[in-house]
Amino acid sequence: MEDKTILKFKDVEGNVVELEAVAEIYLEEQKYLILAPLDDESADEYVYRVDVNKEGQEELNAIESDEEFMKVKKEYKNLLYNEGGKNE
């Protein structure tokens, strides 16, 4: 992703948390977003499936299947490896 996409969420305490979309992954026509916190570089990244609701709007949903999560994780690692190789 060339342009930075920043998404804002409220946590359970009502604080605004900003996450950067660091990658878009497509598997079998399903879109996934990899999000990373802006304020903490050492924090884990988050993976969400992008679904389209009845109104045609995109919404982020947690991945509940370990198998689905592992497929996305593998594709993300491939993306990182391939992009890293291009920059060297």
PDB file of N, CA and C in Angstrom:
ATOM      1  N   MET A   1       0.851  -1.169   0.000  1.00  0.00           N
ATOM      2  CA  MET A   1       0.000   0.000   0.000  1.00  0.00           C
ATOM      3  C   MET A   1       0.900   1.235   0.000  1.00  0.00           C
ATOM      4  N   GLU A   2       0.742   2.090  -0.951  1.00  0.00           N
ATOM      5  CA  GLU A   2       1.618   3.241  -1.080  1.00  0.00           C
ATOM      6  C   GLU A   2       1.201   4.390  -0.180  1.00  0.00           C
ATOM      7  N   ASP A   3      -0.084   4.736  -0.153  1.00  0.00           N
ATOM      8  CA  ASP A   3      -0.563   5.801   0.707  1.00  0.00           C
ATOM      9  C   ASP A   3      -0.887   5.230   2.071  1.00  0.00           C
ATOM     10  N   LYS A   4      -0.596   6.021   3.113  1.00  0.00           N
ATOM     11  CA  LYS A   4      -0.922   5.567   4.459  1.00  0.00           C
ATOM     12  C   LYS A   4      -2.423   5.667   4.679  1.00  0.00           C
ATOM     13  N   THR A   5      -2.982   4.586   5.181  1.00  0.00           N
ATOM     14  CA  THR A   5      -4.385   4.571   5.550  1.00  0.00           C
ATOM     15  C   THR A   5      -4.451   4.418   7.060  1.00  0.00           C
ATOM     16  N   ILE A   6      -5.003   5.418   7.733  1.00  0.00           N
ATOM     17  CA  ILE A   6      -5.115   5.412   9.182  1.00  0.00           C
ATOM     18  C   ILE A   6      -6.575   5.202   9.554  1.00  0.00           C
ATOM     19  N   LEU A   7      -6.820   4.219  10.408  1.00  0.00           N
ATOM     20  CA  LEU A   7      -8.162   3.938  10.890  1.00  0.00           C
ATOM     21  C   LEU A   7      -8.206   4.248  12.376  1.00  0.00           C
ATOM     22  N   LYS A   8      -9.319   4.840  12.819  1.00  0.00           N
ATOM     23  CA  LYS A   8      -9.474   5.181  14.230  1.00  0.00           C
ATOM     24  C   LYS A   8     -10.580   4.323  14.834  1.00  0.00           C
ATOM     25  N   PHE A   9     -10.274   3.772  16.008  1.00  0.00           N
ATOM     26  CA  PHE A   9     -11.208   2.929  16.737  1.00  0.00           C
ATOM     27  C   PHE A   9     -11.272   3.409  18.175  1.00  0.00           C
ATOM     28  N   LYS A  10     -12.340   3.044  18.868  1.00  0.00           N
ATOM     29  CA  LYS A  10     -12.413   3.282  20.307  1.00  0.00           C
ATOM     30  C   LYS A  10     -12.208   1.956  21.010  1.00  0.00           C
ATOM     31  N   ASP A  11     -11.336   1.977  22.033  1.00  0.00           N
ATOM     32  CA  ASP A  11     -11.116   0.760  22.803  1.00  0.00           C
ATOM     33  C   ASP A  11     -12.217   0.616  23.851  1.00  0.00           C
ATOM     34  N   VAL A  12     -12.137  -0.408  24.659  1.00  0.00           N
ATOM     35  CA  VAL A  12     -13.191  -0.686  25.640  1.00  0.00           C
ATOM     36  C   VAL A  12     -13.320   0.413  26.686  1.00  0.00           C
ATOM     37  N   GLU A  13     -12.272   1.216  26.864  1.00  0.00           N
ATOM     38  CA  GLU A  13     -12.307   2.319  27.815  1.00  0.00           C
ATOM     39  C   GLU A  13     -12.733   3.633  27.174  1.00  0.00           C
ATOM     40  N   GLY A  14     -13.023   3.615  25.873  1.00  0.00           N
ATOM     41  CA  GLY A  14     -13.454   4.820  25.175  1.00  0.00           C
ATOM     42  C   GLY A  14     -12.326   5.665  24.619  1.00  0.00           C
ATOM     43  N   ASN A  15     -11.089   5.204  24.725  1.00  0.00           N
ATOM     44  CA  ASN A  15      -9.944   5.926  24.184  1.00  0.00           C
ATOM     45  C   ASN A  15      -9.845   5.682  22.683  1.00  0.00           C
ATOM     46  N   VAL A  16      -9.457   6.713  21.949  1.00  0.00           N
ATOM     47  CA  VAL A  16      -9.273   6.572  20.509  1.00  0.00           C
ATOM     48  C   VAL A  16      -7.915   5.924  20.245  1.00  0.00           C
ATOM     49  N   VAL A  17      -7.926   4.870  19.440  1.00  0.00           N
ATOM     50  CA  VAL A  17      -6.715   4.153  19.058  1.00  0.00           C
ATOM     51  C   VAL A  17      -6.575   4.269  17.551  1.00  0.00           C
ATOM     52  N   GLU A  18      -5.392   4.695  17.102  1.00  0.00           N
ATOM     53  CA  GLU A  18      -5.141   4.818  15.668  1.00  0.00           C
ATOM     54  C   GLU A  18      -4.309   3.639  15.191  1.00  0.00           C
ATOM     55  N   LEU A  19      -4.774   3.023  14.106  1.00  0.00           N
ATOM     56  CA  LEU A  19      -4.071   1.898  13.500  1.00  0.00           C
ATOM     57  C   LEU A  19      -3.811   2.212  12.035  1.00  0.00           C
ATOM     58  N   GLU A  20      -2.632   1.838  11.571  1.00  0.00           N
ATOM     59  CA  GLU A  20      -2.285   2.022  10.168  1.00  0.00           C
ATOM     60  C   GLU A  20      -2.503   0.713   9.421  1.00  0.00           C
ATOM     61  N   ALA A  21      -3.156   0.801   8.279  1.00  0.00           N
ATOM     62  CA  ALA A  21      -3.309  -0.368   7.414  1.00  0.00           C
ATOM     63  C   ALA A  21      -1.971  -0.562   6.705  1.00  0.00           C
ATOM     64  N   VAL A  22      -1.243  -1.611   7.107  1.00  0.00           N
ATOM     65  CA  VAL A  22       0.094  -1.833   6.557  1.00  0.00           C
ATOM     66  C   VAL A  22       0.091  -2.785   5.370  1.00  0.00           C
ATOM     67  N   ALA A  23      -1.022  -3.527   5.190  1.00  0.00           N
ATOM     68  CA  ALA A  23      -1.104  -4.433   4.048  1.00  0.00           C
ATOM     69  C   ALA A  23      -2.553  -4.820   3.780  1.00  0.00           C
ATOM     70  N   GLU A  24      -2.822  -5.056   2.513  1.00  0.00           N
ATOM     71  CA  GLU A  24      -4.088  -5.649   2.074  1.00  0.00           C
ATOM     72  C   GLU A  24      -3.740  -7.000   1.483  1.00  0.00           C
ATOM     73  N   ILE A  25      -4.439  -8.022   1.937  1.00  0.00           N
ATOM     74  CA  ILE A  25      -4.210  -9.380   1.460  1.00  0.00           C
ATOM     75  C   ILE A  25      -5.497  -9.848   0.797  1.00  0.00           C
ATOM     76  N   TYR A  26      -5.380 -10.488  -0.353  1.00  0.00           N
ATOM     77  CA  TYR A  26      -6.543 -11.061  -1.036  1.00  0.00           C
ATOM     78  C   TYR A  26      -6.338 -12.562  -1.176  1.00  0.00           C
ATOM     79  N   LEU A  27      -7.278 -13.317  -0.634  1.00  0.00           N
ATOM     80  CA  LEU A  27      -7.278 -14.766  -0.762  1.00  0.00           C
ATOM     81  C   LEU A  27      -8.639 -15.211  -1.264  1.00  0.00           C
ATOM     82  N   GLU A  28      -8.649 -15.842  -2.434  1.00  0.00           N
ATOM     83  CA  GLU A  28      -9.897 -16.340  -3.009  1.00  0.00           C
ATOM     84  C   GLU A  28     -10.986 -15.263  -3.025  1.00  0.00           C
ATOM     85  N   GLU A  29     -10.626 -14.086  -3.485  1.00  0.00           N
ATOM     86  CA  GLU A  29     -11.517 -12.937  -3.628  1.00  0.00           C
ATOM     87  C   GLU A  29     -11.984 -12.342  -2.304  1.00  0.00           C
ATOM     88  N   GLN A  30     -11.416 -12.798  -1.192  1.00  0.00           N
ATOM     89  CA  GLN A  30     -11.727 -12.232   0.123  1.00  0.00           C
ATOM     90  C   GLN A  30     -10.604 -11.273   0.499  1.00  0.00           C
ATOM     91  N   LYS A  31     -10.979 -10.083   0.957  1.00  0.00           N
ATOM     92  CA  LYS A  31     -10.007  -9.064   1.336  1.00  0.00           C
ATOM     93  C   LYS A  31      -9.756  -9.116   2.845  1.00  0.00           C
ATOM     94  N   TYR A  32      -8.475  -8.932   3.214  1.00  0.00           N
ATOM     95  CA  TYR A  32      -8.059  -8.869   4.610  1.00  0.00           C
ATOM     96  C   TYR A  32      -7.191  -7.629   4.797  1.00  0.00           C
ATOM     97  N   LEU A  33      -7.251  -7.036   5.983  1.00  0.00           N
ATOM     98  CA  LEU A  33      -6.391  -5.908   6.311  1.00  0.00           C
ATOM     99  C   LEU A  33      -5.474  -6.290   7.462  1.00  0.00           C
ATOM    100  N   ILE A  34      -4.213  -5.895   7.333  1.00  0.00           N
ATOM    101  CA  ILE A  34      -3.250  -6.034   8.410  1.00  0.00           C
ATOM    102  C   ILE A  34      -3.072  -4.631   8.983  1.00  0.00           C
ATOM    103  N   LEU A  35      -3.372  -4.481  10.274  1.00  0.00           N
ATOM    104  CA  LEU A  35      -3.315  -3.176  10.924  1.00  0.00           C
ATOM    105  C   LEU A  35      -2.247  -3.178  12.004  1.00  0.00           C
ATOM    106  N   ALA A  36      -1.551  -2.050  12.146  1.00  0.00           N
ATOM    107  CA  ALA A  36      -0.513  -1.902  13.163  1.00  0.00           C
ATOM    108  C   ALA A  36      -0.729  -0.594  13.913  1.00  0.00           C
ATOM    109  N   PRO A  37      -0.515  -0.596  15.228  1.00  0.00           N
ATOM    110  CA  PRO A  37      -0.652   0.633  16.016  1.00  0.00           C
ATOM    111  C   PRO A  37       0.353   1.684  15.569  1.00  0.00           C
ATOM    112  N   LEU A  38      -0.067   2.941  15.560  1.00  0.00           N
ATOM    113  CA  LEU A  38       0.835   4.028  15.189  1.00  0.00           C
ATOM    114  C   LEU A  38       1.777   4.388  16.327  1.00  0.00           C
ATOM    115  N   ASP A  39       1.320   4.245  17.555  1.00  0.00           N
ATOM    116  CA  ASP A  39       2.080   4.750  18.695  1.00  0.00           C
ATOM    117  C   ASP A  39       3.017   3.732  19.332  1.00  0.00           C
ATOM    118  N   ASP A  40       3.040   2.495  18.838  1.00  0.00           N
ATOM    119  CA  ASP A  40       3.883   1.479  19.457  1.00  0.00           C
ATOM    120  C   ASP A  40       4.408   0.529  18.389  1.00  0.00           C
ATOM    121  N   GLU A  41       5.652   0.752  17.966  1.00  0.00           N
ATOM    122  CA  GLU A  41       6.222  -0.049  16.873  1.00  0.00           C
ATOM    123  C   GLU A  41       6.480  -1.496  17.283  1.00  0.00           C
ATOM    124  N   SER A  42       6.600  -1.761  18.570  1.00  0.00           N
ATOM    125  CA  SER A  42       6.892  -3.121  19.004  1.00  0.00           C
ATOM    126  C   SER A  42       5.624  -3.961  19.166  1.00  0.00           C
ATOM    127  N   ALA A  43       4.463  -3.335  19.055  1.00  0.00           N
ATOM    128  CA  ALA A  43       3.202  -4.054  19.269  1.00  0.00           C
ATOM    129  C   ALA A  43       2.895  -4.989  18.103  1.00  0.00           C
ATOM    130  N   ASP A  44       2.092  -5.974  18.398  1.00  0.00           N
ATOM    131  CA  ASP A  44       1.669  -6.918  17.370  1.00  0.00           C
ATOM    132  C   ASP A  44       0.782  -6.240  16.338  1.00  0.00           C
ATOM    133  N   GLU A  45       0.706  -6.857  15.189  1.00  0.00           N
ATOM    134  CA  GLU A  45      -0.207  -6.402  14.143  1.00  0.00           C
ATOM    135  C   GLU A  45      -1.515  -7.174  14.280  1.00  0.00           C
ATOM    136  N   TYR A  46      -2.569  -6.585  13.758  1.00  0.00           N
ATOM    137  CA  TYR A  46      -3.898  -7.174  13.849  1.00  0.00           C
ATOM    138  C   TYR A  46      -4.390  -7.539  12.458  1.00  0.00           C
ATOM    139  N   VAL A  47      -5.079  -8.652  12.358  1.00  0.00           N
ATOM    140  CA  VAL A  47      -5.589  -9.132  11.075  1.00  0.00           C
ATOM    141  C   VAL A  47      -7.112  -9.129  11.128  1.00  0.00           C
ATOM    142  N   TYR A  48      -7.729  -8.486  10.138  1.00  0.00           N
ATOM    143  CA  TYR A  48      -9.185  -8.440  10.049  1.00  0.00           C
ATOM    144  C   TYR A  48      -9.635  -8.853   8.659  1.00  0.00           C
ATOM    145  N   ARG A  49     -10.751  -9.559   8.599  1.00  0.00           N
ATOM    146  CA  ARG A  49     -11.393  -9.877   7.326  1.00  0.00           C
ATOM    147  C   ARG A  49     -12.304  -8.700   6.998  1.00  0.00           C
ATOM    148  N   VAL A  50     -12.288  -8.293   5.735  1.00  0.00           N
ATOM    149  CA  VAL A  50     -13.142  -7.195   5.281  1.00  0.00           C
ATOM    150  C   VAL A  50     -14.364  -7.807   4.604  1.00  0.00           C
ATOM    151  N   ASP A  51     -15.514  -7.650   5.238  1.00  0.00           N
ATOM    152  CA  ASP A  51     -16.774  -8.150   4.692  1.00  0.00           C
ATOM    153  C   ASP A  51     -17.612  -6.974   4.214  1.00  0.00           C
ATOM    154  N   VAL A  52     -18.526  -7.241   3.305  1.00  0.00           N
ATOM    155  CA  VAL A  52     -19.455  -6.214   2.818  1.00  0.00           C
ATOM    156  C   VAL A  52     -20.815  -6.512   3.430  1.00  0.00           C
ATOM    157  N   ASN A  53     -21.393  -5.499   4.110  1.00  0.00           N
ATOM    158  CA  ASN A  53     -22.689  -5.708   4.755  1.00  0.00           C
ATOM    159  C   ASN A  53     -23.836  -5.512   3.764  1.00  0.00           C
ATOM    160  N   LYS A  54     -25.060  -5.621   4.238  1.00  0.00           N
ATOM    161  CA  LYS A  54     -26.250  -5.534   3.375  1.00  0.00           C
ATOM    162  C   LYS A  54     -26.378  -4.192   2.675  1.00  0.00           C
ATOM    163  N   GLU A  55     -25.817  -3.158   3.288  1.00  0.00           N
ATOM    164  CA  GLU A  55     -25.865  -1.813   2.694  1.00  0.00           C
ATOM    165  C   GLU A  55     -24.723  -1.572   1.704  1.00  0.00           C
ATOM    166  N   GLY A  56     -23.878  -2.580   1.507  1.00  0.00           N
ATOM    167  CA  GLY A  56     -22.764  -2.456   0.579  1.00  0.00           C
ATOM    168  C   GLY A  56     -21.541  -1.786   1.169  1.00  0.00           C
ATOM    169  N   GLN A  57     -21.520  -1.605   2.485  1.00  0.00           N
ATOM    170  CA  GLN A  57     -20.390  -0.967   3.150  1.00  0.00           C
ATOM    171  C   GLN A  57     -19.429  -2.019   3.680  1.00  0.00           C
ATOM    172  N   GLU A  58     -18.147  -1.691   3.620  1.00  0.00           N
ATOM    173  CA  GLU A  58     -17.145  -2.598   4.160  1.00  0.00           C
ATOM    174  C   GLU A  58     -17.140  -2.520   5.684  1.00  0.00           C
ATOM    175  N   GLU A  59     -16.989  -3.680   6.306  1.00  0.00           N
ATOM    176  CA  GLU A  59     -16.831  -3.719   7.757  1.00  0.00           C
ATOM    177  C   GLU A  59     -15.743  -4.721   8.105  1.00  0.00           C
ATOM    178  N   LEU A  60     -15.023  -4.421   9.184  1.00  0.00           N
ATOM    179  CA  LEU A  60     -13.934  -5.287   9.619  1.00  0.00           C
ATOM    180  C   LEU A  60     -14.456  -6.291  10.623  1.00  0.00           C
ATOM    181  N   ASN A  61     -14.077  -7.547  10.439  1.00  0.00           N
ATOM    182  CA  ASN A  61     -14.489  -8.616  11.343  1.00  0.00           C
ATOM    183  C   ASN A  61     -13.277  -9.439  11.747  1.00  0.00           C
ATOM    184  N   ALA A  62     -13.298  -9.875  12.986  1.00  0.00           N
ATOM    185  CA  ALA A  62     -12.234 -10.738  13.489  1.00  0.00           C
ATOM    186  C   ALA A  62     -12.274 -12.080  12.775  1.00  0.00           C
ATOM    187  N   ILE A  63     -11.116 -12.667  12.621  1.00  0.00           N
ATOM    188  CA  ILE A  63     -11.016 -14.001  12.024  1.00  0.00           C
ATOM    189  C   ILE A  63     -11.130 -15.005  13.162  1.00  0.00           C
ATOM    190  N   GLU A  64     -12.128 -15.856  13.092  1.00  0.00           N
ATOM    191  CA  GLU A  64     -12.351 -16.817  14.169  1.00  0.00           C
ATOM    192  C   GLU A  64     -11.743 -18.182  13.884  1.00  0.00           C
ATOM    193  N   SER A  65     -11.469 -18.485  12.636  1.00  0.00           N
ATOM    194  CA  SER A  65     -10.920 -19.782  12.253  1.00  0.00           C
ATOM    195  C   SER A  65      -9.388 -19.735  12.267  1.00  0.00           C
ATOM    196  N   ASP A  66      -8.777 -20.681  12.981  1.00  0.00           N
ATOM    197  CA  ASP A  66      -7.311 -20.770  12.989  1.00  0.00           C
ATOM    198  C   ASP A  66      -6.775 -21.037  11.591  1.00  0.00           C
ATOM    199  N   GLU A  67      -7.486 -21.874  10.834  1.00  0.00           N
ATOM    200  CA  GLU A  67      -7.054 -22.214   9.479  1.00  0.00           C
ATOM    201  C   GLU A  67      -7.043 -20.966   8.584  1.00  0.00           C
ATOM    202  N   GLU A  68      -8.100 -20.173   8.660  1.00  0.00           N
ATOM    203  CA  GLU A  68      -8.178 -18.942   7.860  1.00  0.00           C
ATOM    204  C   GLU A  68      -7.071 -17.975   8.276  1.00  0.00           C
ATOM    205  N   PHE A  69      -6.859 -17.826   9.582  1.00  0.00           N
ATOM    206  CA  PHE A  69      -5.817 -16.929  10.084  1.00  0.00           C
ATOM    207  C   PHE A  69      -4.437 -17.353   9.578  1.00  0.00           C
ATOM    208  N   MET A  70      -4.152 -18.650   9.619  1.00  0.00           N
ATOM    209  CA  MET A  70      -2.846 -19.143   9.176  1.00  0.00           C
ATOM    210  C   MET A  70      -2.632 -18.899   7.680  1.00  0.00           C
ATOM    211  N   LYS A  71      -3.685 -19.020   6.881  1.00  0.00           N
ATOM    212  CA  LYS A  71      -3.568 -18.741   5.441  1.00  0.00           C
ATOM    213  C   LYS A  71      -3.210 -17.277   5.210  1.00  0.00           C
ATOM    214  N   VAL A  72      -3.870 -16.381   5.939  1.00  0.00           N
ATOM    215  CA  VAL A  72      -3.589 -14.942   5.794  1.00  0.00           C
ATOM    216  C   VAL A  72      -2.169 -14.642   6.276  1.00  0.00           C
ATOM    217  N   LYS A  73      -1.793 -15.217   7.400  1.00  0.00           N
ATOM    218  CA  LYS A  73      -0.454 -15.001   7.950  1.00  0.00           C
ATOM    219  C   LYS A  73       0.619 -15.457   6.961  1.00  0.00           C
ATOM    220  N   LYS A  74       0.413 -16.607   6.354  1.00  0.00           N
ATOM    221  CA  LYS A  74       1.368 -17.127   5.370  1.00  0.00           C
ATOM    222  C   LYS A  74       1.479 -16.184   4.171  1.00  0.00           C
ATOM    223  N   GLU A  75       0.356 -15.711   3.680  1.00  0.00           N
ATOM    224  CA  GLU A  75       0.365 -14.796   2.535  1.00  0.00           C
ATOM    225  C   GLU A  75       1.042 -13.474   2.892  1.00  0.00           C
ATOM    226  N   TYR A  76       0.818 -12.992   4.117  1.00  0.00           N
ATOM    227  CA  TYR A  76       1.452 -11.756   4.569  1.00  0.00           C
ATOM    228  C   TYR A  76       2.972 -11.932   4.641  1.00  0.00           C
ATOM    229  N   LYS A  77       3.430 -13.062   5.161  1.00  0.00           N
ATOM    230  CA  LYS A  77       4.865 -13.326   5.212  1.00  0.00           C
ATOM    231  C   LYS A  77       5.450 -13.381   3.805  1.00  0.00           C
ATOM    232  N   ASN A  78       4.724 -13.997   2.871  1.00  0.00           N
ATOM    233  CA  ASN A  78       5.184 -14.037   1.479  1.00  0.00           C
ATOM    234  C   ASN A  78       5.296 -12.633   0.912  1.00  0.00           C
ATOM    235  N   LEU A  79       4.320 -11.789   1.218  1.00  0.00           N
ATOM    236  CA  LEU A  79       4.319 -10.400   0.749  1.00  0.00           C
ATOM    237  C   LEU A  79       5.533  -9.660   1.312  1.00  0.00           C
ATOM    238  N   LEU A  80       5.782  -9.817   2.604  1.00  0.00           N
ATOM    239  CA  LEU A  80       6.931  -9.151   3.226  1.00  0.00           C
ATOM    240  C   LEU A  80       8.247  -9.636   2.626  1.00  0.00           C
ATOM    241  N   TYR A  81       8.358 -10.939   2.434  1.00  0.00           N
ATOM    242  CA  TYR A  81       9.576 -11.516   1.883  1.00  0.00           C
ATOM    243  C   TYR A  81       9.815 -11.020   0.457  1.00  0.00           C
ATOM    244  N   ASN A  82       8.768 -11.025  -0.367  1.00  0.00           N
ATOM    245  CA  ASN A  82       8.896 -10.592  -1.759  1.00  0.00           C
ATOM    246  C   ASN A  82       9.210  -9.111  -1.866  1.00  0.00           C
ATOM    247  N   GLU A  83       8.561  -8.295  -1.043  1.00  0.00           N
ATOM    248  CA  GLU A  83       8.852  -6.850  -1.082  1.00  0.00           C
ATOM    249  C   GLU A  83      10.242  -6.553  -0.565  1.00  0.00           C
ATOM    250  N   GLY A  84      10.674  -7.296   0.469  1.00  0.00           N
ATOM    251  CA  GLY A  84      12.020  -7.111   1.007  1.00  0.00           C
ATOM    252  C   GLY A  84      13.074  -7.444  -0.018  1.00  0.00           C
ATOM    253  N   GLY A  85      12.848  -8.480  -0.806  1.00  0.00           N
ATOM    254  CA  GLY A  85      13.797  -8.883  -1.836  1.00  0.00           C
ATOM    255  C   GLY A  85      13.900  -7.875  -2.948  1.00  0.00           C
ATOM    256  N   LYS A  86      12.818  -7.172  -3.239  1.00  0.00           N
ATOM    257  CA  LYS A  86      12.820  -6.177  -4.310  1.00  0.00           C
ATOM    258  C   LYS A  86      13.632  -4.944  -3.928  1.00  0.00           C
ATOM    259  N   ASN A  87      13.678  -4.648  -2.623  1.00  0.00           N
ATOM    260  CA  ASN A  87      14.360  -3.435  -2.175  1.00  0.00           C
ATOM    261  C   ASN A  87      15.860  -3.625  -2.057  1.00  0.00           C
ATOM    262  N   GLU A  88      16.338  -4.838  -2.086  1.00  0.00           N
ATOM    263  CA  GLU A  88      17.768  -5.065  -1.910  1.00  0.00           C
ATOM    264  C   GLU A  88      18.518  -4.981  -3.206  1.00  0.00           C
TER     265      GLU A  88
END
